[in-house]
Amino acid sequence: MADQALSSAIAETSTTTTNGHGEERTESVSEQVPELPAYLHAALKQLAPKEGFTEGNFTIEFDFGSSKGDGFVGQMFKATISEGDRREVYLCKIPPLDDARREQFSSMAAFAREVLVYDRFLPTIYEYQRAKGILSRDDGFFHTPRCYHAHCDETAQESVIIMEDLRLREFQLWNKHNIIDYAHGTLFMTHLGRLHAISLAMKRDQPERFAPFKLPNPFDPMLKADGPFRNMILSQLQMVIDALREQDTIERAKMEQLKEDVFDELARCGKAELAEPYAVVGHGDCWTNNMMFRYEEGIPKEIVLFDWQVMRYVTPVQDLMYFIFCCTDGEFRRKYYHEMIDIYYDSLSTMLTKLQHDASELFPRAVLDEQLLVFGRYGILMGMFLVPMMCTRNDELPDIEALAQKMTETQQLDESFFKTTESNQEAYATRIRAVVQDSIRYGYL
């Protein structure tokens, strides 16, 4: 951490949450903005003149940029640059200020990956689309926040990503406690199909230019049987088993077997070579806290995807299963599961046509169905982590700094990351049972 930082200040922050159906609730809480690193100040001071502010005449103020539970490997702060009557707001994402949290959760590897995305990957795929004549947001994938600055120095453990505040363009975050609905699911599937299509087309057209983005999950080393999260992963799986009913004998047997094989399965689902020649660059963290929506008359019209810290080159099924099994419930899947897959594939096929390729050659529908069977259990592998968090109130989420400190002392996280409490136990049990049952129903488990 750098020596100079902004003096701590008392900030009155207003946190607005949306329940997913247009109803909002605003809370004001007084919190102390921590001392922030000098490299963050330096980045903003470099940015300000580029944004039209006069050297030496502007001021920078900080506030909190997110709420508890919105992220674990990074922290978000809102910076306001002012000069006279002009005020511009920017969101600044930096690694955790807490040393243990930054080190134990491999924050620097995650920031290096996200900086790569904003600095190289997104500009590359945007340029590729435009060269193919796709210029409009309505026709292609250009749905990410504007990034003003992205830098990472893993050796110095310094990184900062400065982005636009999407709330200023009336984008809203879906309430993670609510099941996604059909309209939002359709919008996501449409744009996910476009994103994946770009990989399939670009690696055929420009393989050397695409090659640097064929990267594994930066967190893979942490998910091994001898890794620091071994006991936590087994505990999360046991939570799923404990949520099953006595009569759920098939489900229980399947989950007990998965518990035996879980580390092999986590590794297998992330092997790009098993998905070739159909592997794509995926977002990697497709749940509702990593996307925002803009509405017209209550209808979601635009989506933006952010938090690209686990972008990786894998089967396209990972992003699909992550979203469907973590952000929907059993009732939604009974109604719309196959339709969501159809929407995704139709969008991918249409996008490939715009990119002057044929989906029947680059990614036939039969291949997607095969990969769903091969990699579909990724839904339960991610659901065991995400579903409990999505059923947990923010004030009941774990103390990440305390967990990181414990890991520093023991080199192992020996407990479930998210525990069920009296307030969320029933909701969790209902949702996770449906994840297990649907994984079996669709032939994935």
Protein backbone atom coordinates (compact mmCIF):
# COMPACT_ATOMS: atom_id res chain seq x y z
CA MET A 1 0.00 0.00 0.00
CA ALA A 2 1.19 3.51 -0.74
CA ASP A 3 2.27 5.96 2.00
CA GLN A 4 -0.02 8.86 1.20
CA ALA A 5 -3.78 8.60 1.21
CA LEU A 6 -6.83 10.73 1.74
CA SER A 7 -7.60 11.47 5.37
CA SER A 8 -10.58 9.53 6.66
CA ALA A 9 -13.88 11.35 6.43
CA ILE A 10 -17.37 10.76 7.72
CA ALA A 11 -19.66 10.20 4.73
CA GLU A 12 -23.44 10.06 4.65
CA THR A 13 -24.17 7.34 2.08
CA SER A 14 -27.53 6.61 0.55
CA THR A 15 -27.92 3.02 -0.58
CA THR A 16 -30.80 2.37 -2.98
CA THR A 17 -31.94 -1.20 -3.48
CA THR A 18 -34.38 -2.38 -6.10
CA ASN A 19 -36.62 -5.36 -5.46
CA GLY A 20 -36.65 -6.43 -9.07
CA HIS A 21 -40.13 -5.07 -9.72
CA GLY A 22 -39.50 -1.34 -9.70
CA GLU A 23 -39.99 -0.77 -5.98
CA GLU A 24 -37.10 0.93 -4.26
CA ARG A 25 -36.03 1.50 -0.70
CA THR A 26 -33.39 4.02 0.34
CA GLU A 27 -31.42 3.82 3.58
CA SER A 28 -29.00 6.43 4.92
CA VAL A 29 -26.16 5.28 7.12
CA SER A 30 -23.15 7.14 8.47
CA GLU A 31 -19.93 5.27 7.77
CA GLN A 32 -16.30 6.21 7.80
CA VAL A 33 -14.54 6.13 4.46
CA PRO A 34 -11.21 4.35 5.10
CA GLU A 35 -7.82 5.73 4.27
CA LEU A 36 -7.38 5.18 0.54
CA PRO A 37 -4.08 4.40 -1.23
CA ALA A 38 -1.95 7.00 -2.97
CA TYR A 39 -2.07 5.12 -6.30
CA LEU A 40 -5.84 5.66 -6.43
CA HIS A 41 -5.35 9.41 -5.96
CA ALA A 42 -2.64 9.40 -8.61
CA ALA A 43 -4.87 7.64 -11.11
CA LEU A 44 -7.68 10.14 -10.61
CA LYS A 45 -5.28 13.08 -10.82
CA GLN A 46 -4.06 11.74 -14.16
CA LEU A 47 -7.61 11.18 -15.38
CA ALA A 48 -8.99 14.61 -14.43
CA PRO A 49 -7.17 16.69 -17.11
CA LYS A 50 -8.16 14.12 -19.74
CA GLU A 51 -11.77 14.70 -18.67
CA GLY A 52 -11.42 18.46 -19.09
CA PHE A 53 -10.61 19.53 -15.55
CA THR A 54 -7.97 22.22 -15.01
CA GLU A 55 -4.70 21.08 -13.45
CA GLY A 56 -4.53 22.31 -9.85
CA ASN A 57 -8.12 23.63 -9.79
CA PHE A 58 -10.14 20.46 -9.11
CA THR A 59 -10.89 18.56 -5.93
CA ILE A 60 -11.54 14.85 -5.37
CA GLU A 61 -13.95 13.48 -2.77
CA PHE A 62 -14.64 9.85 -1.94
CA ASP A 63 -17.69 7.92 -0.83
CA PHE A 64 -18.63 4.26 -0.67
CA GLY A 65 -19.53 2.72 -4.02
CA SER A 66 -21.17 -0.56 -3.02
CA SER A 67 -22.81 -2.41 -0.16
CA LYS A 68 -21.74 -5.34 1.96
CA GLY A 69 -21.99 -8.55 -0.02
CA ASP A 70 -21.50 -6.92 -3.41
CA GLY A 71 -17.98 -8.33 -3.82
CA PHE A 72 -15.25 -10.28 -2.06
CA VAL A 73 -12.02 -9.78 -4.02
CA GLY A 74 -12.38 -6.03 -4.51
CA GLN A 75 -13.73 -2.86 -2.96
CA MET A 76 -15.64 -0.10 -4.70
CA PHE A 77 -15.47 3.62 -3.97
CA LYS A 78 -17.22 6.55 -5.60
CA ALA A 79 -14.99 9.47 -6.55
CA THR A 80 -16.40 12.90 -7.31
CA ILE A 81 -14.13 15.29 -9.20
CA SER A 82 -15.25 18.91 -8.86
CA GLU A 83 -14.23 22.22 -10.38
CA GLY A 84 -16.49 25.22 -9.97
CA ASP A 85 -20.04 24.13 -10.71
CA ARG A 86 -18.96 20.99 -12.54
CA ARG A 87 -19.10 17.64 -10.77
CA GLU A 88 -18.33 14.28 -12.38
CA VAL A 89 -18.77 10.95 -10.63
CA TYR A 90 -16.61 7.87 -11.23
CA LEU A 91 -16.60 4.40 -9.69
CA CYS A 92 -13.19 3.18 -8.57
CA LYS A 93 -12.54 -0.51 -8.01
CA ILE A 94 -9.43 -1.46 -6.05
CA PRO A 95 -8.11 -4.60 -4.32
CA PRO A 96 -9.15 -5.06 -0.68
CA LEU A 97 -7.42 -2.68 1.70
CA ASP A 98 -7.12 -5.51 4.21
CA ASP A 99 -3.87 -7.39 3.54
CA ALA A 100 -5.16 -10.81 4.58
CA ARG A 101 -8.31 -10.51 2.49
CA ARG A 102 -6.31 -9.37 -0.54
CA GLU A 103 -3.85 -12.25 -0.26
CA GLN A 104 -6.11 -15.12 0.80
CA PHE A 105 -8.71 -14.50 -1.89
CA SER A 106 -6.13 -14.06 -4.70
CA SER A 107 -7.35 -10.55 -5.40
CA MET A 108 -4.38 -9.50 -7.51
CA ALA A 109 -4.83 -12.36 -9.97
CA ALA A 110 -8.49 -11.40 -10.31
CA PHE A 111 -7.63 -7.73 -10.88
CA ALA A 112 -4.99 -8.62 -13.44
CA ARG A 113 -7.64 -10.55 -15.34
CA GLU A 114 -10.22 -7.76 -15.19
CA VAL A 115 -7.69 -5.15 -16.28
CA LEU A 116 -6.87 -7.38 -19.25
CA VAL A 117 -10.56 -7.47 -20.11
CA TYR A 118 -11.06 -3.69 -20.05
CA ASP A 119 -7.68 -2.83 -21.51
CA ARG A 120 -7.45 -5.42 -24.30
CA PHE A 121 -10.25 -7.96 -24.64
CA LEU A 122 -13.27 -5.66 -24.86
CA PRO A 123 -11.60 -3.13 -27.22
CA THR A 124 -10.52 -6.06 -29.41
CA ILE A 125 -13.97 -7.62 -29.74
CA TYR A 126 -15.58 -4.20 -30.22
CA GLU A 127 -13.17 -3.45 -33.06
CA TYR A 128 -13.75 -6.91 -34.56
CA GLN A 129 -17.53 -6.37 -34.62
CA ARG A 130 -17.22 -2.94 -36.22
CA ALA A 131 -14.92 -4.32 -38.89
CA LYS A 132 -17.71 -6.79 -39.70
CA GLY A 133 -20.20 -3.93 -40.05
CA ILE A 134 -21.83 -4.31 -36.63
CA LEU A 135 -21.95 -0.76 -35.33
CA SER A 136 -25.04 -0.56 -33.15
CA ARG A 137 -25.62 -1.72 -29.60
CA ASP A 138 -28.90 -3.10 -30.87
CA ASP A 139 -27.09 -5.46 -33.23
CA GLY A 140 -23.99 -6.59 -31.35
CA PHE A 141 -22.34 -6.97 -27.96
CA PHE A 142 -21.14 -3.62 -26.64
CA HIS A 143 -22.82 -3.95 -23.26
CA THR A 144 -20.17 -3.15 -20.68
CA PRO A 145 -19.48 -0.03 -18.60
CA ARG A 146 -17.30 2.69 -20.00
CA CYS A 147 -13.83 2.23 -18.52
CA TYR A 148 -11.67 5.36 -18.14
CA HIS A 149 -8.58 3.75 -16.63
CA ALA A 150 -7.42 0.19 -15.89
CA HIS A 151 -4.05 -0.66 -14.36
CA CYS A 152 -2.62 -3.56 -12.39
CA ASP A 153 0.82 -4.11 -10.87
CA GLU A 154 0.71 -7.52 -9.20
CA THR A 155 4.21 -7.17 -7.74
CA ALA A 156 3.36 -3.91 -6.00
CA GLN A 157 -0.15 -5.22 -5.17
CA GLU A 158 -1.69 -2.14 -6.72
CA SER A 159 -4.60 -2.01 -9.10
CA VAL A 160 -7.35 0.42 -9.96
CA ILE A 161 -10.20 0.30 -12.45
CA ILE A 162 -12.09 3.57 -12.96
CA MET A 163 -15.49 3.21 -14.60
CA GLU A 164 -18.65 5.14 -15.22
CA ASP A 165 -21.37 5.04 -12.57
CA LEU A 166 -24.17 3.28 -14.47
CA ARG A 167 -26.74 4.63 -12.03
CA LEU A 168 -26.27 8.04 -13.65
CA ARG A 169 -27.70 6.52 -16.84
CA GLU A 170 -30.64 5.13 -14.89
CA PHE A 171 -29.37 1.56 -14.78
CA GLN A 172 -30.56 -0.45 -11.81
CA LEU A 173 -29.27 -3.52 -10.03
CA TRP A 174 -31.66 -6.43 -9.69
CA ASN A 175 -32.33 -7.44 -6.09
CA LYS A 176 -30.27 -10.60 -5.66
CA HIS A 177 -32.84 -12.03 -3.22
CA ASN A 178 -35.50 -12.19 -5.94
CA ILE A 179 -35.83 -14.81 -8.64
CA ILE A 180 -35.07 -13.39 -12.07
CA ASP A 181 -38.15 -13.05 -14.29
CA TYR A 182 -38.75 -13.92 -17.93
CA ALA A 183 -38.07 -10.47 -19.40
CA HIS A 184 -34.73 -10.06 -17.62
CA GLY A 185 -33.74 -13.66 -18.35
CA THR A 186 -34.49 -13.18 -22.03
CA LEU A 187 -32.37 -10.02 -22.21
CA PHE A 188 -29.44 -11.75 -20.56
CA MET A 189 -29.64 -14.86 -22.74
CA THR A 190 -29.79 -12.72 -25.87
CA HIS A 191 -26.59 -10.86 -25.05
CA LEU A 192 -24.79 -13.91 -23.73
CA GLY A 193 -25.42 -15.59 -27.08
CA ARG A 194 -23.89 -12.59 -28.85
CA LEU A 195 -20.83 -12.58 -26.60
CA HIS A 196 -20.14 -16.27 -27.15
CA ALA A 197 -20.70 -15.98 -30.91
CA ILE A 198 -17.89 -13.43 -31.14
CA SER A 199 -15.42 -15.96 -29.73
CA LEU A 200 -16.48 -18.67 -32.14
CA ALA A 201 -16.20 -16.34 -35.13
CA MET A 202 -13.06 -14.48 -34.14
CA LYS A 203 -10.96 -17.54 -33.40
CA ARG A 204 -11.82 -18.75 -36.91
CA ASP A 205 -11.12 -15.39 -38.58
CA GLN A 206 -8.23 -14.11 -36.47
CA PRO A 207 -6.80 -17.01 -34.44
CA GLU A 208 -3.52 -15.27 -33.56
CA ARG A 209 -5.29 -12.15 -32.36
CA PHE A 210 -7.74 -14.22 -30.34
CA ALA A 211 -5.13 -16.55 -28.80
CA PRO A 212 -4.05 -14.30 -25.87
CA PHE A 213 -7.57 -14.56 -24.42
CA LYS A 214 -7.56 -18.36 -24.16
CA LEU A 215 -7.02 -18.21 -20.41
CA PRO A 216 -8.05 -20.54 -17.55
CA ASN A 217 -10.04 -19.51 -14.51
CA PRO A 218 -7.63 -17.49 -12.30
CA PHE A 219 -9.16 -19.17 -9.24
CA ASP A 220 -8.53 -22.76 -10.41
CA PRO A 221 -5.57 -23.26 -8.02
CA MET A 222 -7.83 -22.44 -5.08
CA LEU A 223 -10.38 -25.11 -6.03
CA LYS A 224 -8.09 -28.13 -5.83
CA ALA A 225 -8.31 -30.92 -3.26
CA ASP A 226 -5.15 -29.63 -1.59
CA GLY A 227 -6.18 -25.97 -1.85
CA PRO A 228 -7.15 -23.56 0.93
CA PHE A 229 -10.87 -23.92 0.22
CA ARG A 230 -11.01 -27.73 0.42
CA ASN A 231 -12.92 -27.93 3.70
CA MET A 232 -15.19 -25.04 2.80
CA ILE A 233 -16.15 -26.67 -0.51
CA LEU A 234 -16.96 -29.94 1.26
CA SER A 235 -18.96 -28.03 3.86
CA GLN A 236 -20.98 -26.24 1.19
CA LEU A 237 -21.78 -29.59 -0.41
CA GLN A 238 -22.81 -31.03 2.93
CA MET A 239 -25.17 -28.08 3.36
CA VAL A 240 -26.88 -29.15 0.14
CA ILE A 241 -27.18 -32.75 1.34
CA ASP A 242 -28.55 -31.61 4.70
CA ALA A 243 -31.23 -29.55 2.91
CA LEU A 244 -32.61 -32.64 1.19
CA ARG A 245 -35.64 -34.39 2.67
CA GLU A 246 -35.67 -37.95 3.98
CA GLN A 247 -37.61 -39.12 0.93
CA ASP A 248 -35.09 -37.56 -1.48
CA THR A 249 -33.13 -40.81 -1.70
CA ILE A 250 -32.03 -40.47 -5.32
CA GLU A 251 -31.00 -36.85 -4.82
CA ARG A 252 -29.07 -37.74 -1.67
CA ALA A 253 -27.21 -40.60 -3.38
CA LYS A 254 -26.28 -38.37 -6.33
CA MET A 255 -24.97 -35.63 -4.05
CA GLU A 256 -23.00 -38.05 -1.90
CA GLN A 257 -21.31 -39.28 -5.07
CA LEU A 258 -20.65 -35.71 -6.19
CA LYS A 259 -19.06 -35.04 -2.82
CA GLU A 260 -16.59 -37.84 -3.52
CA ASP A 261 -15.74 -36.42 -6.96
CA VAL A 262 -16.22 -32.69 -6.46
CA PHE A 263 -12.62 -31.56 -7.01
CA ASP A 264 -12.28 -33.68 -10.13
CA GLU A 265 -15.59 -32.28 -11.39
CA LEU A 266 -14.59 -28.68 -10.73
CA ALA A 267 -11.41 -29.27 -12.72
CA ARG A 268 -13.17 -31.15 -15.52
CA CYS A 269 -15.80 -28.47 -16.07
CA GLY A 270 -13.04 -25.90 -16.52
CA LYS A 271 -10.99 -27.77 -19.10
CA ALA A 272 -11.27 -25.93 -22.39
CA GLU A 273 -9.77 -28.84 -24.31
CA LEU A 274 -12.82 -30.96 -23.43
CA ALA A 275 -15.05 -28.35 -25.08
CA GLU A 276 -13.01 -27.75 -28.22
CA PRO A 277 -13.43 -26.65 -30.91
CA TYR A 278 -16.41 -24.93 -29.31
CA ALA A 279 -14.81 -23.28 -26.26
CA VAL A 280 -15.44 -19.54 -25.88
CA VAL A 281 -14.32 -16.62 -23.76
CA GLY A 282 -17.00 -16.50 -21.08
CA HIS A 283 -17.86 -13.87 -18.51
CA GLY A 284 -17.39 -16.46 -15.77
CA ASP A 285 -19.51 -14.87 -13.02
CA CYS A 286 -23.00 -14.66 -14.49
CA TRP A 287 -25.28 -13.81 -11.63
CA THR A 288 -27.54 -10.84 -11.08
CA ASN A 289 -25.11 -8.78 -8.97
CA ASN A 290 -22.85 -8.50 -12.02
CA MET A 291 -25.37 -6.97 -14.39
CA MET A 292 -27.57 -3.87 -14.43
CA PHE A 293 -30.69 -3.03 -16.37
CA ARG A 294 -32.19 0.12 -17.88
CA TYR A 295 -35.97 0.30 -18.06
CA GLU A 296 -38.59 1.96 -20.20
CA GLU A 297 -42.06 1.98 -18.67
CA GLY A 298 -41.03 -0.78 -16.30
CA ILE A 299 -39.71 -3.07 -19.04
CA PRO A 300 -35.99 -3.93 -19.14
CA LYS A 301 -34.62 -2.58 -22.42
CA GLU A 302 -30.85 -2.66 -21.94
CA ILE A 303 -28.35 -4.73 -19.99
CA VAL A 304 -24.75 -4.09 -19.02
CA LEU A 305 -22.38 -6.82 -17.78
CA PHE A 306 -19.56 -5.93 -15.41
CA ASP A 307 -17.19 -7.60 -12.92
CA TRP A 308 -15.03 -9.54 -15.39
CA GLN A 309 -12.52 -10.82 -12.82
CA VAL A 310 -12.99 -14.49 -13.69
CA MET A 311 -13.22 -14.18 -17.48
CA ARG A 312 -11.97 -17.50 -18.82
CA TYR A 313 -11.82 -19.69 -21.93
CA VAL A 314 -14.14 -22.66 -21.39
CA THR A 315 -17.30 -24.37 -22.59
CA PRO A 316 -20.14 -21.90 -23.20
CA VAL A 317 -22.23 -24.09 -20.91
CA GLN A 318 -20.52 -22.63 -17.84
CA ASP A 319 -22.12 -19.19 -18.25
CA LEU A 320 -25.48 -20.75 -19.12
CA MET A 321 -25.63 -23.10 -16.15
CA TYR A 322 -24.27 -20.53 -13.72
CA PHE A 323 -27.06 -18.09 -14.55
CA ILE A 324 -29.93 -20.56 -14.88
CA PHE A 325 -29.28 -22.58 -11.74
CA CYS A 326 -28.26 -19.68 -9.50
CA CYS A 327 -30.63 -16.91 -10.60
CA THR A 328 -33.83 -18.86 -11.27
CA ASP A 329 -35.84 -21.32 -9.20
CA GLY A 330 -37.60 -24.61 -9.87
CA GLU A 331 -40.84 -22.96 -10.96
CA PHE A 332 -39.08 -20.71 -13.46
CA ARG A 333 -37.14 -23.63 -14.90
CA ARG A 334 -40.27 -25.76 -15.28
CA LYS A 335 -41.81 -22.98 -17.35
CA TYR A 336 -38.88 -21.55 -19.27
CA TYR A 337 -35.73 -23.69 -19.04
CA HIS A 338 -35.80 -24.99 -22.60
CA GLU A 339 -37.00 -21.65 -23.93
CA MET A 340 -34.06 -19.86 -22.30
CA ILE A 341 -31.65 -22.26 -24.00
CA ASP A 342 -33.46 -21.67 -27.31
CA ILE A 343 -33.25 -17.88 -26.89
CA TYR A 344 -29.54 -18.15 -26.20
CA TYR A 345 -28.86 -20.37 -29.22
CA ASP A 346 -31.03 -18.34 -31.59
CA SER A 347 -29.17 -15.18 -30.55
CA LEU A 348 -25.80 -16.90 -30.99
CA SER A 349 -26.83 -18.18 -34.43
CA THR A 350 -28.09 -14.75 -35.53
CA MET A 351 -24.90 -13.10 -34.34
CA LEU A 352 -22.74 -15.61 -36.19
CA THR A 353 -24.67 -14.80 -39.37
CA LYS A 354 -23.93 -11.08 -38.85
CA LEU A 355 -20.27 -12.04 -38.41
CA GLN A 356 -20.45 -13.89 -41.74
CA HIS A 357 -20.39 -17.40 -40.32
CA ASP A 358 -22.79 -20.32 -40.17
CA ALA A 359 -23.84 -21.63 -36.76
CA SER A 360 -24.47 -25.08 -38.21
CA GLU A 361 -20.73 -25.24 -38.89
CA LEU A 362 -19.18 -23.35 -35.97
CA PHE A 363 -21.54 -24.48 -33.20
CA PRO A 364 -24.42 -26.81 -34.24
CA ARG A 365 -27.37 -27.01 -31.90
CA ALA A 366 -26.72 -30.72 -31.41
CA VAL A 367 -23.27 -29.84 -30.05
CA LEU A 368 -24.77 -27.45 -27.53
CA ASP A 369 -27.09 -30.23 -26.34
CA GLU A 370 -24.10 -32.57 -26.02
CA GLN A 371 -22.11 -30.04 -24.04
CA LEU A 372 -25.04 -29.43 -21.74
CA LEU A 373 -24.94 -33.12 -20.84
CA VAL A 374 -21.16 -33.13 -20.43
CA PHE A 375 -20.84 -29.92 -18.41
CA GLY A 376 -24.36 -29.34 -17.06
CA ARG A 377 -23.52 -30.25 -13.49
CA TYR A 378 -21.61 -26.97 -13.29
CA GLY A 379 -24.99 -25.55 -12.27
CA ILE A 380 -25.04 -27.40 -8.95
CA LEU A 381 -21.30 -26.83 -8.43
CA MET A 382 -21.91 -23.07 -8.52
CA GLY A 383 -25.35 -23.22 -6.96
CA MET A 384 -23.92 -24.62 -3.75
CA PHE A 385 -22.00 -21.34 -3.32
CA LEU A 386 -24.37 -18.77 -4.80
CA VAL A 387 -27.81 -19.97 -3.68
CA PRO A 388 -27.10 -19.62 0.06
CA MET A 389 -25.68 -16.14 -0.47
CA MET A 390 -28.71 -15.11 -2.51
CA CYS A 391 -30.94 -16.28 0.33
CA THR A 392 -28.96 -14.41 3.00
CA ARG A 393 -29.65 -10.86 4.13
CA ASN A 394 -26.71 -8.50 3.74
CA ASP A 395 -26.49 -7.95 7.49
CA GLU A 396 -26.03 -11.71 7.97
CA LEU A 397 -23.25 -12.15 5.42
CA PRO A 398 -19.88 -13.35 6.79
CA ASP A 399 -17.11 -11.02 7.90
CA ILE A 400 -14.71 -11.46 4.98
CA GLU A 401 -11.77 -9.86 6.80
CA ALA A 402 -12.22 -12.24 9.75
CA LEU A 403 -12.37 -15.26 7.45
CA ALA A 404 -9.27 -14.10 5.59
CA GLN A 405 -7.38 -13.60 8.84
CA LYS A 406 -8.35 -17.11 9.97
CA MET A 407 -7.10 -18.50 6.66
CA THR A 408 -3.81 -16.68 7.17
CA GLU A 409 -3.40 -18.42 10.51
CA THR A 410 -4.57 -21.92 9.50
CA GLN A 411 -4.04 -21.96 5.69
CA GLN A 412 -7.50 -23.50 5.44
CA LEU A 413 -11.08 -22.24 5.56
CA ASP A 414 -12.70 -24.88 7.73
CA GLU A 415 -16.33 -23.87 7.53
CA SER A 416 -19.17 -23.18 5.15
CA PHE A 417 -18.81 -19.79 3.52
CA PHE A 418 -22.51 -19.11 3.98
CA LYS A 419 -24.47 -20.71 6.79
CA THR A 420 -28.22 -21.06 6.87
CA THR A 421 -29.94 -19.11 9.61
CA GLU A 422 -33.46 -19.18 10.93
CA SER A 423 -34.35 -16.33 8.56
CA ASN A 424 -33.13 -18.02 5.37
CA GLN A 425 -33.16 -21.76 6.04
CA GLU A 426 -36.51 -22.53 4.44
CA ALA A 427 -35.87 -20.37 1.36
CA TYR A 428 -32.44 -21.92 0.90
CA ALA A 429 -33.68 -25.50 1.32
CA THR A 430 -36.48 -24.99 -1.21
CA ARG A 431 -34.22 -23.45 -3.85
CA ILE A 432 -31.26 -25.80 -3.47
CA ARG A 433 -33.45 -28.92 -3.50
CA ALA A 434 -34.88 -27.73 -6.81
CA VAL A 435 -31.34 -27.21 -8.17
CA VAL A 436 -30.47 -30.82 -7.32
CA GLN A 437 -33.76 -32.19 -8.67
CA ASP A 438 -33.50 -30.24 -11.91
CA SER A 439 -29.86 -31.26 -12.38
CA ILE A 440 -31.06 -34.87 -12.27
CA ARG A 441 -34.13 -34.18 -14.40
CA TYR A 442 -32.06 -32.73 -17.23
CA GLY A 443 -29.49 -35.50 -17.05
CA TYR A 444 -26.65 -33.44 -15.61
CA LEU A 445 -26.20 -35.20 -12.27
